[in-house]
Amino acid sequence: MATRTAAQRREQARIEYDAFVKSCPTNQLLDRISDKWVSLVVAALASGPMRYSDLGRKIAGVSPKMLTQTLRSLERDGLLSRTVTPSVPVRVDYELTALGDNLARLLTAVKDWAETHFDEVREARERYDTEGADTGAAEVGAGQR
């Protein structure tokens, strides 16, 4: 077994956590937390614990299967906790952990940005669709001669 130098070990550690590298675990985590349903579940739980049914009502369009998968993946990643209260019917509450709360601040800021700036984005899309798409292609082609 070859012995690695301290510099080689530092370089390996740096490579291991580079989100721009497809095989990096941080790339995979970024892929997970950038998912639409993950963002919405985390943002919904930022205001406090919620029951499964309340989450389903708050997050329009999420299917029960997708909500369950999302909650399980967030629990597995340590971002939320699941508390079962024995009753009839059984009560299940979901709550962000400290790690999830930290992420919620970031995702809530992105959600707020989207809600604040959507009109500007829509206007930019409309401009692009009516005038920008054709001129951009022509300029690229002209510059390659």
C-alpha atoms as a PDB file:
ATOM      1  CA  MET A   1       0.000   0.000   0.000  1.00  0.00           C
ATOM      2  CA  ALA A   2       1.467   3.348  -1.088  1.00  0.00           C
ATOM      3  CA  THR A   3       1.755   6.097   1.475  1.00  0.00           C
ATOM      4  CA  ARG A   4       0.329   9.439   0.405  1.00  0.00           C
ATOM      5  CA  THR A   5       1.865  12.755   1.344  1.00  0.00           C
ATOM      6  CA  ALA A   6      -0.045  15.382   3.315  1.00  0.00           C
ATOM      7  CA  ALA A   7      -0.341  17.467   0.144  1.00  0.00           C
ATOM      8  CA  GLN A   8      -1.835  14.503  -1.734  1.00  0.00           C
ATOM      9  CA  ARG A   9      -4.353  13.902   1.070  1.00  0.00           C
ATOM     10  CA  ARG A  10      -5.372  17.587   1.075  1.00  0.00           C
ATOM     11  CA  GLU A  11      -5.757  17.547  -2.706  1.00  0.00           C
ATOM     12  CA  GLN A  12      -7.879  14.383  -2.530  1.00  0.00           C
ATOM     13  CA  ALA A  13     -10.130  15.944   0.125  1.00  0.00           C
ATOM     14  CA  ARG A  14     -10.515  19.061  -2.021  1.00  0.00           C
ATOM     15  CA  ILE A  15     -11.498  16.972  -5.033  1.00  0.00           C
ATOM     16  CA  GLU A  16     -13.948  14.891  -3.005  1.00  0.00           C
ATOM     17  CA  TYR A  17     -16.070  17.949  -2.223  1.00  0.00           C
ATOM     18  CA  ASP A  18     -16.305  19.792  -5.510  1.00  0.00           C
ATOM     19  CA  ALA A  19     -19.969  20.175  -6.460  1.00  0.00           C
ATOM     20  CA  PHE A  20     -18.974  20.775 -10.096  1.00  0.00           C
ATOM     21  CA  VAL A  21     -17.732  17.170 -10.338  1.00  0.00           C
ATOM     22  CA  LYS A  22     -20.625  14.856 -11.276  1.00  0.00           C
ATOM     23  CA  SER A  23     -19.463  12.015  -9.034  1.00  0.00           C
ATOM     24  CA  CYS A  24     -18.960  14.286  -6.011  1.00  0.00           C
ATOM     25  CA  PRO A  25     -21.347  13.618  -3.121  1.00  0.00           C
ATOM     26  CA  THR A  26     -21.966  17.370  -2.816  1.00  0.00           C
ATOM     27  CA  ASN A  27     -23.116  17.413  -6.459  1.00  0.00           C
ATOM     28  CA  GLN A  28     -25.627  14.716  -5.609  1.00  0.00           C
ATOM     29  CA  LEU A  29     -26.760  16.606  -2.490  1.00  0.00           C
ATOM     30  CA  LEU A  30     -27.174  19.800  -4.513  1.00  0.00           C
ATOM     31  CA  ASP A  31     -29.261  17.847  -7.012  1.00  0.00           C
ATOM     32  CA  ARG A  32     -31.461  16.598  -4.165  1.00  0.00           C
ATOM     33  CA  ILE A  33     -32.016  19.950  -2.445  1.00  0.00           C
ATOM     34  CA  SER A  34     -32.669  21.785  -5.716  1.00  0.00           C
ATOM     35  CA  ASP A  35     -35.656  19.529  -6.410  1.00  0.00           C
ATOM     36  CA  LYS A  36     -38.932  21.476  -6.596  1.00  0.00           C
ATOM     37  CA  TRP A  37     -40.736  19.311  -4.044  1.00  0.00           C
ATOM     38  CA  VAL A  38     -37.835  19.361  -1.593  1.00  0.00           C
ATOM     39  CA  SER A  39     -37.702  23.156  -1.777  1.00  0.00           C
ATOM     40  CA  LEU A  40     -41.436  23.505  -1.213  1.00  0.00           C
ATOM     41  CA  VAL A  41     -41.580  20.983   1.654  1.00  0.00           C
ATOM     42  CA  VAL A  42     -38.643  22.622   3.426  1.00  0.00           C
ATOM     43  CA  ALA A  43     -40.132  26.099   2.905  1.00  0.00           C
ATOM     44  CA  ALA A  44     -43.512  24.901   4.224  1.00  0.00           C
ATOM     45  CA  LEU A  45     -41.922  23.401   7.333  1.00  0.00           C
ATOM     46  CA  ALA A  46     -39.920  26.579   7.978  1.00  0.00           C
ATOM     47  CA  SER A  47     -42.955  27.996   9.784  1.00  0.00           C
ATOM     48  CA  GLY A  48     -43.100  25.027  12.168  1.00  0.00           C
ATOM     49  CA  PRO A  49     -44.143  21.371  12.453  1.00  0.00           C
ATOM     50  CA  MET A  50     -46.904  20.116  10.169  1.00  0.00           C
ATOM     51  CA  ARG A  51     -48.929  16.974   9.709  1.00  0.00           C
ATOM     52  CA  TYR A  52     -48.715  14.997   6.477  1.00  0.00           C
ATOM     53  CA  SER A  53     -52.226  16.024   5.406  1.00  0.00           C
ATOM     54  CA  ASP A  54     -51.507  19.713   6.077  1.00  0.00           C
ATOM     55  CA  LEU A  55     -48.363  19.536   3.951  1.00  0.00           C
ATOM     56  CA  GLY A  56     -50.320  17.879   1.146  1.00  0.00           C
ATOM     57  CA  ARG A  57     -52.895  20.673   1.200  1.00  0.00           C
ATOM     58  CA  LYS A  58     -50.313  23.474   1.414  1.00  0.00           C
ATOM     59  CA  ILE A  59     -48.157  22.220  -1.473  1.00  0.00           C
ATOM     60  CA  ALA A  60     -50.404  22.384  -4.518  1.00  0.00           C
ATOM     61  CA  GLY A  61     -49.875  19.678  -7.104  1.00  0.00           C
ATOM     62  CA  VAL A  62     -47.790  17.256  -5.057  1.00  0.00           C
ATOM     63  CA  SER A  63     -49.070  13.690  -5.260  1.00  0.00           C
ATOM     64  CA  PRO A  64     -49.244  11.575  -2.093  1.00  0.00           C
ATOM     65  CA  LYS A  65     -46.537   9.289  -3.508  1.00  0.00           C
ATOM     66  CA  MET A  66     -44.181  12.192  -4.271  1.00  0.00           C
ATOM     67  CA  LEU A  67     -44.817  13.814  -0.890  1.00  0.00           C
ATOM     68  CA  THR A  68     -44.043  10.541   0.886  1.00  0.00           C
ATOM     69  CA  GLN A  69     -40.843  10.016  -1.143  1.00  0.00           C
ATOM     70  CA  THR A  70     -39.733  13.591  -0.505  1.00  0.00           C
ATOM     71  CA  LEU A  71     -40.382  13.374   3.238  1.00  0.00           C
ATOM     72  CA  ARG A  72     -38.503  10.067   3.474  1.00  0.00           C
ATOM     73  CA  SER A  73     -35.483  11.435   1.595  1.00  0.00           C
ATOM     74  CA  LEU A  74     -35.396  14.549   3.804  1.00  0.00           C
ATOM     75  CA  GLU A  75     -35.603  12.396   6.930  1.00  0.00           C
ATOM     76  CA  ARG A  76     -32.811  10.149   5.637  1.00  0.00           C
ATOM     77  CA  ASP A  77     -30.622  13.198   4.973  1.00  0.00           C
ATOM     78  CA  GLY A  78     -31.202  14.481   8.508  1.00  0.00           C
ATOM     79  CA  LEU A  79     -33.136  17.556   7.383  1.00  0.00           C
ATOM     80  CA  LEU A  80     -36.402  16.720   9.126  1.00  0.00           C
ATOM     81  CA  SER A  81     -37.702  14.534  11.896  1.00  0.00           C
ATOM     82  CA  ARG A  82     -40.863  12.468  11.903  1.00  0.00           C
ATOM     83  CA  THR A  83     -42.841  12.066  15.115  1.00  0.00           C
ATOM     84  CA  VAL A  84     -45.592   9.465  15.395  1.00  0.00           C
ATOM     85  CA  THR A  85     -48.194  10.044  18.108  1.00  0.00           C
ATOM     86  CA  PRO A  86     -50.259   6.941  18.869  1.00  0.00           C
ATOM     87  CA  SER A  87     -53.888   7.959  18.602  1.00  0.00           C
ATOM     88  CA  VAL A  88     -56.928   7.157  16.501  1.00  0.00           C
ATOM     89  CA  PRO A  89     -56.150   8.000  13.790  1.00  0.00           C
ATOM     90  CA  VAL A  90     -52.379   7.932  14.193  1.00  0.00           C
ATOM     91  CA  ARG A  91     -50.884  11.419  14.138  1.00  0.00           C
ATOM     92  CA  VAL A  92     -47.622  11.978  12.233  1.00  0.00           C
ATOM     93  CA  ASP A  93     -45.846  15.326  12.480  1.00  0.00           C
ATOM     94  CA  TYR A  94     -42.866  16.504  10.460  1.00  0.00           C
ATOM     95  CA  GLU A  95     -40.443  19.131  11.711  1.00  0.00           C
ATOM     96  CA  LEU A  96     -37.180  20.543  10.433  1.00  0.00           C
ATOM     97  CA  THR A  97     -34.021  19.609  12.307  1.00  0.00           C
ATOM     98  CA  ALA A  98     -31.350  22.243  12.987  1.00  0.00           C
ATOM     99  CA  LEU A  99     -29.708  21.210   9.705  1.00  0.00           C
ATOM    100  CA  GLY A 100     -33.022  21.508   7.866  1.00  0.00           C
ATOM    101  CA  ASP A 101     -33.721  24.883   9.468  1.00  0.00           C
ATOM    102  CA  ASN A 102     -30.377  26.123   8.186  1.00  0.00           C
ATOM    103  CA  LEU A 103     -31.279  24.990   4.663  1.00  0.00           C
ATOM    104  CA  ALA A 104     -34.796  26.453   5.003  1.00  0.00           C
ATOM    105  CA  ARG A 105     -33.385  29.958   5.388  1.00  0.00           C
ATOM    106  CA  LEU A 106     -31.644  29.630   2.035  1.00  0.00           C
ATOM    107  CA  LEU A 107     -34.531  27.976   0.196  1.00  0.00           C
ATOM    108  CA  THR A 108     -37.057  30.425   1.625  1.00  0.00           C
ATOM    109  CA  ALA A 109     -34.903  33.272   0.306  1.00  0.00           C
ATOM    110  CA  VAL A 110     -34.944  31.668  -3.168  1.00  0.00           C
ATOM    111  CA  LYS A 111     -38.734  31.184  -2.964  1.00  0.00           C
ATOM    112  CA  ASP A 112     -39.172  34.813  -1.895  1.00  0.00           C
ATOM    113  CA  TRP A 113     -36.935  35.950  -4.768  1.00  0.00           C
ATOM    114  CA  ALA A 114     -39.052  33.964  -7.254  1.00  0.00           C
ATOM    115  CA  GLU A 115     -42.268  35.469  -5.904  1.00  0.00           C
ATOM    116  CA  THR A 116     -40.818  39.002  -5.935  1.00  0.00           C
ATOM    117  CA  HIS A 117     -39.230  38.884  -9.393  1.00  0.00           C
ATOM    118  CA  PHE A 118     -41.527  36.624 -11.395  1.00  0.00           C
ATOM    119  CA  ASP A 119     -43.142  39.524 -13.284  1.00  0.00           C
ATOM    120  CA  GLU A 120     -39.685  40.667 -14.440  1.00  0.00           C
ATOM    121  CA  VAL A 121     -38.788  37.142 -15.534  1.00  0.00           C
ATOM    122  CA  ARG A 122     -42.085  36.778 -17.393  1.00  0.00           C
ATOM    123  CA  GLU A 123     -41.479  40.097 -19.202  1.00  0.00           C
ATOM    124  CA  ALA A 124     -37.950  38.995 -20.138  1.00  0.00           C
ATOM    125  CA  ARG A 125     -39.327  35.718 -21.499  1.00  0.00           C
ATOM    126  CA  GLU A 126     -41.918  37.563 -23.564  1.00  0.00           C
ATOM    127  CA  ARG A 127     -39.243  39.925 -24.971  1.00  0.00           C
ATOM    128  CA  TYR A 128     -36.999  36.987 -25.783  1.00  0.00           C
ATOM    129  CA  ASP A 129     -39.817  35.051 -27.439  1.00  0.00           C
ATOM    130  CA  THR A 130     -40.814  37.998 -29.635  1.00  0.00           C
ATOM    131  CA  GLU A 131     -37.467  39.542 -30.508  1.00  0.00           C
ATOM    132  CA  GLY A 132     -34.472  37.896 -28.885  1.00  0.00           C
ATOM    133  CA  ALA A 133     -34.518  34.335 -30.150  1.00  0.00           C
ATOM    134  CA  ASP A 134     -34.117  35.118 -33.852  1.00  0.00           C
ATOM    135  CA  THR A 135     -31.552  37.927 -33.531  1.00  0.00           C
ATOM    136  CA  GLY A 136     -29.338  35.916 -31.177  1.00  0.00           C
ATOM    137  CA  ALA A 137     -29.003  33.057 -33.657  1.00  0.00           C
ATOM    138  CA  ALA A 138     -28.260  35.437 -36.527  1.00  0.00           C
ATOM    139  CA  GLU A 139     -25.504  37.192 -34.575  1.00  0.00           C
ATOM    140  CA  VAL A 140     -23.783  33.925 -33.712  1.00  0.00           C
ATOM    141  CA  GLY A 141     -23.889  32.759 -37.318  1.00  0.00           C
ATOM    142  CA  ALA A 142     -22.561  36.093 -38.624  1.00  0.00           C
ATOM    143  CA  GLY A 143     -19.586  36.017 -36.261  1.00  0.00           C
ATOM    144  CA  GLN A 144     -18.421  32.602 -37.479  1.00  0.00           C
ATOM    145  CA  ARG A 145     -17.659  33.587 -41.062  1.00  0.00           C
END
